[in-house]
N, C-alpha and C. Protein backbone atom coordinates (compact mmCIF):
# COMPACT_ATOMS: atom_id res chain seq x y z
N VAL A 1 84.16 90.80 113.88
CA VAL A 1 84.44 90.68 112.47
C VAL A 1 85.28 91.91 111.65
N GLN A 2 86.05 91.53 111.00
CA GLN A 2 86.96 92.59 110.41
C GLN A 2 87.16 92.06 108.95
N LEU A 3 87.02 93.54 107.87
CA LEU A 3 87.47 93.14 106.49
C LEU A 3 88.24 94.25 106.67
N VAL A 4 89.53 94.12 106.14
CA VAL A 4 90.69 95.40 105.95
C VAL A 4 91.21 95.16 104.78
N GLU A 5 90.72 96.22 103.94
CA GLU A 5 91.26 96.56 103.05
C GLU A 5 92.75 97.10 102.71
N SER A 6 93.51 97.03 101.60
CA SER A 6 94.80 97.78 101.25
C SER A 6 95.17 97.34 99.91
N GLY A 7 96.00 98.26 99.55
CA GLY A 7 96.82 98.34 98.30
C GLY A 7 96.28 99.31 97.18
N GLY A 8 95.51 100.20 97.91
CA GLY A 8 94.82 101.00 97.10
C GLY A 8 96.04 102.43 96.78
N GLY A 9 95.79 103.11 95.71
CA GLY A 9 96.77 104.62 95.97
C GLY A 9 96.52 105.02 94.60
N SER A 10 97.27 105.69 94.32
CA SER A 10 97.46 106.68 92.98
C SER A 10 98.09 105.76 92.15
N VAL A 11 97.57 105.92 90.79
CA VAL A 11 98.52 105.32 89.73
C VAL A 11 98.03 106.05 88.33
N GLN A 12 98.86 105.85 87.41
CA GLN A 12 98.44 106.52 85.98
C GLN A 12 97.61 105.58 84.97
N PRO A 13 96.95 105.98 84.35
CA PRO A 13 96.17 105.33 83.21
C PRO A 13 97.14 104.33 82.64
N GLY A 14 96.59 103.11 82.29
CA GLY A 14 97.33 101.88 81.91
C GLY A 14 97.77 101.15 83.26
N GLY A 15 98.50 101.61 84.52
CA GLY A 15 99.04 100.91 85.63
C GLY A 15 97.95 99.95 86.10
N SER A 16 98.57 99.39 87.28
CA SER A 16 98.21 98.18 87.84
C SER A 16 98.16 98.31 89.03
N LEU A 17 97.18 97.96 89.74
CA LEU A 17 97.30 97.75 91.36
C LEU A 17 96.95 96.42 91.69
N ARG A 18 97.18 95.89 92.83
CA ARG A 18 96.65 94.71 93.42
C ARG A 18 96.06 94.92 94.88
N LEU A 19 94.63 94.83 95.08
CA LEU A 19 94.07 95.15 96.37
C LEU A 19 94.12 93.72 97.30
N SER A 20 94.14 94.12 98.51
CA SER A 20 93.99 92.68 99.05
C SER A 20 92.79 93.37 100.01
N CYS A 21 92.26 92.11 100.56
CA CYS A 21 91.21 92.14 102.06
C CYS A 21 91.35 91.07 102.87
N ALA A 22 91.71 91.25 104.15
CA ALA A 22 92.18 90.03 104.95
C ALA A 22 91.06 90.21 106.11
N ALA A 23 90.44 88.92 106.19
CA ALA A 23 89.24 88.95 107.00
C ALA A 23 89.53 88.19 108.10
N SER A 24 88.76 88.10 109.12
CA SER A 24 89.07 87.53 110.62
C SER A 24 87.68 87.92 111.09
N GLY A 25 87.57 87.07 112.29
CA GLY A 25 86.15 86.91 112.91
C GLY A 25 85.02 86.19 112.40
N PHE A 26 85.18 85.49 111.42
CA PHE A 26 84.22 84.87 110.80
C PHE A 26 85.11 83.41 110.21
N THR A 27 84.17 82.46 109.48
CA THR A 27 84.78 81.60 108.89
C THR A 27 84.97 81.61 107.21
N PHE A 28 86.02 82.49 106.84
CA PHE A 28 86.10 83.17 106.09
C PHE A 28 85.90 82.17 104.52
N SER A 29 86.49 80.96 104.59
CA SER A 29 86.22 79.49 103.66
C SER A 29 84.65 79.30 103.42
N ARG A 30 83.61 79.82 104.11
CA ARG A 30 82.20 79.69 104.03
C ARG A 30 81.56 80.77 103.27
N TYR A 31 82.40 81.78 102.97
CA TYR A 31 81.64 82.96 102.65
C TYR A 31 81.96 83.02 100.76
N ALA A 32 81.28 83.48 100.12
CA ALA A 32 81.59 84.12 98.83
C ALA A 32 82.07 85.57 99.07
N MET A 33 83.12 85.82 98.55
CA MET A 33 83.63 87.14 98.34
C MET A 33 83.54 88.39 97.24
N SER A 34 83.17 89.36 97.67
CA SER A 34 82.89 90.32 96.34
C SER A 34 83.88 91.58 96.70
N TRP A 35 84.14 92.11 95.73
CA TRP A 35 84.55 93.44 95.83
C TRP A 35 83.66 94.69 95.29
N TYR A 36 83.48 95.71 95.70
CA TYR A 36 82.62 96.72 95.20
C TYR A 36 83.45 97.72 94.93
N ARG A 37 82.85 98.71 94.40
CA ARG A 37 83.40 100.30 94.32
C ARG A 37 82.45 101.35 94.31
N GLN A 38 82.82 102.69 94.85
CA GLN A 38 81.88 103.25 94.71
C GLN A 38 82.64 104.97 94.44
N ALA A 39 82.09 105.39 93.18
CA ALA A 39 82.95 106.30 92.85
C ALA A 39 82.38 107.73 93.59
N PRO A 40 83.00 109.02 93.35
CA PRO A 40 82.29 110.07 94.30
C PRO A 40 81.14 110.14 93.62
N GLY A 41 79.79 110.78 94.31
CA GLY A 41 78.60 110.85 93.78
C GLY A 41 77.76 109.89 92.93
N LYS A 42 78.26 108.62 93.16
CA LYS A 42 77.81 107.69 92.53
C LYS A 42 77.35 106.50 93.51
N GLN A 43 76.42 105.36 93.21
CA GLN A 43 76.13 104.29 93.75
C GLN A 43 77.49 103.20 93.95
N ARG A 44 77.30 102.46 95.07
CA ARG A 44 78.16 101.44 95.32
C ARG A 44 77.85 100.32 94.06
N ASP A 45 78.86 99.70 93.31
CA ASP A 45 78.47 98.83 92.39
C ASP A 45 79.65 97.77 92.43
N LEU A 46 79.01 96.54 92.10
CA LEU A 46 79.87 95.10 92.09
C LEU A 46 80.81 95.47 91.12
N VAL A 47 81.83 94.86 91.39
CA VAL A 47 83.06 94.74 90.26
C VAL A 47 83.32 93.36 90.19
N ALA A 48 83.53 92.44 91.19
CA ALA A 48 83.71 90.98 90.88
C ALA A 48 83.34 90.10 92.02
N GLN A 49 83.23 89.01 92.16
CA GLN A 49 82.68 87.96 92.97
C GLN A 49 82.94 86.69 92.57
N ILE A 50 83.50 85.93 93.96
CA ILE A 50 84.09 84.89 93.47
C ILE A 50 83.42 83.69 95.09
N ASP A 51 83.28 82.55 94.19
CA ASP A 51 82.74 81.36 95.35
C ASP A 51 83.47 80.96 96.64
N ILE A 52 83.03 80.31 97.04
CA ILE A 52 84.12 79.67 98.21
C ILE A 52 85.10 78.85 97.86
N SER A 53 84.91 78.13 97.05
CA SER A 53 86.32 77.51 96.82
C SER A 53 87.12 78.43 95.42
N GLY A 54 86.71 79.44 94.92
CA GLY A 54 87.75 80.09 94.13
C GLY A 54 87.53 79.62 92.87
N GLY A 55 86.56 79.07 92.41
CA GLY A 55 86.59 77.90 91.12
C GLY A 55 85.33 78.94 90.11
N THR A 56 84.25 79.72 90.54
CA THR A 56 83.84 80.64 89.83
C THR A 56 83.86 81.83 90.32
N MET A 57 83.91 82.47 89.05
CA MET A 57 84.21 84.17 89.28
C MET A 57 83.08 85.02 88.49
N TYR A 58 82.95 86.10 88.79
CA TYR A 58 81.82 86.82 88.12
C TYR A 58 82.60 87.94 88.01
N TYR A 59 82.47 88.81 86.96
CA TYR A 59 83.03 90.26 86.68
C TYR A 59 81.75 90.89 86.06
N ALA A 60 81.68 92.07 86.79
CA ALA A 60 81.19 93.46 85.94
C ALA A 60 81.53 93.42 84.28
N ASP A 61 80.74 93.81 83.48
CA ASP A 61 81.32 93.89 82.09
C ASP A 61 82.58 94.87 81.74
N SER A 62 82.34 96.14 82.22
CA SER A 62 83.73 96.55 82.22
C SER A 62 84.89 96.17 82.84
N MET A 63 84.70 95.49 83.62
CA MET A 63 86.05 94.94 84.43
C MET A 63 86.72 93.74 83.68
N LYS A 64 85.89 93.01 82.74
CA LYS A 64 86.19 91.55 82.19
C LYS A 64 87.45 92.06 81.18
N GLY A 65 88.50 90.97 81.78
CA GLY A 65 89.80 91.39 80.71
C GLY A 65 90.79 92.04 81.53
N ARG A 66 90.07 92.81 82.42
CA ARG A 66 91.17 93.89 83.05
C ARG A 66 91.46 93.74 84.60
N PHE A 67 90.49 93.20 85.12
CA PHE A 67 90.49 92.54 86.86
C PHE A 67 90.33 91.29 86.81
N THR A 68 91.13 90.54 87.95
CA THR A 68 90.79 89.38 88.47
C THR A 68 90.86 89.19 89.53
N ILE A 69 89.87 88.60 90.26
CA ILE A 69 89.50 88.07 91.60
C ILE A 69 90.02 86.93 92.21
N SER A 70 90.46 86.55 93.23
CA SER A 70 91.46 85.50 93.73
C SER A 70 91.09 85.41 95.01
N ARG A 71 91.28 84.19 95.91
CA ARG A 71 91.08 84.17 97.21
C ARG A 71 92.18 83.20 97.61
N ASP A 72 92.47 83.20 98.71
CA ASP A 72 93.33 82.55 99.55
C ASP A 72 92.89 81.78 100.78
N ASN A 73 92.04 80.80 100.84
CA ASN A 73 91.49 80.35 102.15
C ASN A 73 92.47 80.28 103.30
N ALA A 74 93.73 79.71 103.14
CA ALA A 74 94.68 79.68 103.98
C ALA A 74 95.07 80.81 104.89
N LYS A 75 94.76 81.98 103.83
CA LYS A 75 95.49 83.16 104.47
C LYS A 75 94.35 84.31 104.82
N ASN A 76 92.81 83.69 104.54
CA ASN A 76 91.81 84.36 105.01
C ASN A 76 91.97 85.68 104.01
N THR A 77 92.03 85.78 102.91
CA THR A 77 92.35 86.87 102.00
C THR A 77 91.82 86.87 100.78
N VAL A 78 91.16 87.80 100.12
CA VAL A 78 90.65 87.84 98.84
C VAL A 78 91.48 89.08 98.11
N TYR A 79 91.73 88.77 96.94
CA TYR A 79 92.59 89.70 96.12
C TYR A 79 91.79 90.29 94.65
N LEU A 80 92.27 91.52 94.47
CA LEU A 80 91.62 92.22 93.32
C LEU A 80 93.01 92.80 92.49
N GLN A 81 93.33 91.73 91.42
CA GLN A 81 94.46 92.41 90.55
C GLN A 81 93.52 93.32 89.37
N MET A 82 94.13 94.65 89.26
CA MET A 82 93.59 95.46 88.66
C MET A 82 94.59 96.07 87.63
N ASN A 83 94.47 95.47 86.46
CA ASN A 83 95.27 95.92 85.34
C ASN A 83 94.73 97.01 84.17
N SER A 84 95.34 97.58 83.21
CA SER A 84 94.98 98.60 82.41
C SER A 84 93.87 99.67 83.07
N LEU A 85 94.56 100.34 84.03
CA LEU A 85 93.36 100.94 84.56
C LEU A 85 93.17 102.13 83.92
N ARG A 86 92.15 102.63 84.14
CA ARG A 86 91.35 103.96 83.39
C ARG A 86 91.26 104.89 84.48
N PRO A 87 90.97 106.23 84.16
CA PRO A 87 90.47 107.08 84.92
C PRO A 87 89.08 106.50 85.43
N GLU A 88 88.35 106.14 84.72
CA GLU A 88 86.94 105.78 85.29
C GLU A 88 86.87 104.85 86.14
N ASP A 89 88.18 104.04 86.59
CA ASP A 89 88.08 103.29 87.71
C ASP A 89 88.38 103.81 88.82
N THR A 90 88.32 105.39 88.91
CA THR A 90 88.70 106.02 90.02
C THR A 90 87.47 105.74 91.22
N ALA A 91 87.80 105.26 92.20
CA ALA A 91 86.74 105.21 93.34
C ALA A 91 87.42 104.22 94.34
N VAL A 92 86.56 104.47 95.56
CA VAL A 92 86.95 103.56 97.04
C VAL A 92 86.43 102.25 96.55
N TYR A 93 87.27 101.24 96.78
CA TYR A 93 87.01 99.68 96.74
C TYR A 93 86.56 99.40 97.73
N TYR A 94 85.74 98.46 97.83
CA TYR A 94 85.27 97.85 99.18
C TYR A 94 84.81 96.10 98.91
N CYS A 95 85.43 95.60 100.09
CA CYS A 95 85.51 94.15 100.08
C CYS A 95 84.28 93.64 100.95
N ARG A 96 83.50 92.67 100.59
CA ARG A 96 82.53 92.18 101.03
C ARG A 96 82.19 90.44 100.99
N ALA A 97 82.04 90.15 102.33
CA ALA A 97 82.02 88.75 102.84
C ALA A 97 80.68 88.64 102.82
N GLY A 98 79.66 87.46 101.64
CA GLY A 98 78.66 87.46 101.50
C GLY A 98 77.70 88.34 101.27
N ILE A 99 76.26 88.56 102.08
CA ILE A 99 75.94 89.51 101.79
C ILE A 99 75.70 90.67 103.27
N VAL A 100 76.35 90.39 104.32
CA VAL A 100 76.30 90.86 105.80
C VAL A 100 77.71 91.78 106.02
N TYR A 101 78.91 91.51 105.60
CA TYR A 101 79.96 92.30 105.93
C TYR A 101 80.76 92.95 105.01
N TRP A 102 81.23 94.08 105.66
CA TRP A 102 82.03 95.21 104.69
C TRP A 102 82.85 95.49 104.97
N GLY A 103 83.92 95.86 104.54
CA GLY A 103 85.14 96.43 104.79
C GLY A 103 85.19 98.01 104.98
N LYS A 104 86.00 98.57 105.09
CA LYS A 104 85.90 100.26 104.84
C LYS A 104 86.42 100.64 103.83
N GLY A 105 86.82 100.13 102.85
CA GLY A 105 87.31 100.43 101.83
C GLY A 105 88.74 100.80 101.85
N THR A 106 89.10 100.99 100.16
CA THR A 106 90.35 101.48 100.00
C THR A 106 90.17 102.51 98.74
N PRO A 107 90.66 103.66 98.79
CA PRO A 107 90.85 104.29 97.45
C PRO A 107 91.90 103.99 96.58
N VAL A 108 91.37 104.45 95.14
CA VAL A 108 92.19 104.05 94.14
C VAL A 108 92.11 105.24 93.00
N THR A 109 93.19 105.99 92.77
CA THR A 109 92.80 107.13 92.08
C THR A 109 93.84 106.70 90.83
N VAL A 110 93.06 107.17 89.22
CA VAL A 110 93.85 106.45 88.31
C VAL A 110 93.81 107.83 87.49
N SER A 111 94.98 108.60 87.54
CA SER A 111 95.17 109.89 86.86
C SER A 111 96.46 110.06 86.37
N SER A 112 96.73 111.15 85.02
CA SER A 112 97.94 111.51 84.64
C SER A 112 98.22 112.81 85.48
């Protein structure tokens, strides 16, 4: 099983990034997918979640209206479009499949 995140990097406040998580080794379309993030010295928190069909999404309050989670079951990939980024969005972003599998994360830094 592999979950490989990509798309992180450094961006100025107000900027955008699109994260991707490529899955392999399991039946991707049978798993709800989530993005979490962990800032230095803080716990890992749920950012967004999407159901197996991609029809239902959940967002943490501070991400509503700025972040969009989506998935492509044909490509075994889940995405996180992040707009209007703020310095407090700085963290390592992790992909999760169901409650079992984790990726290794991709860092995001928002700074001027």
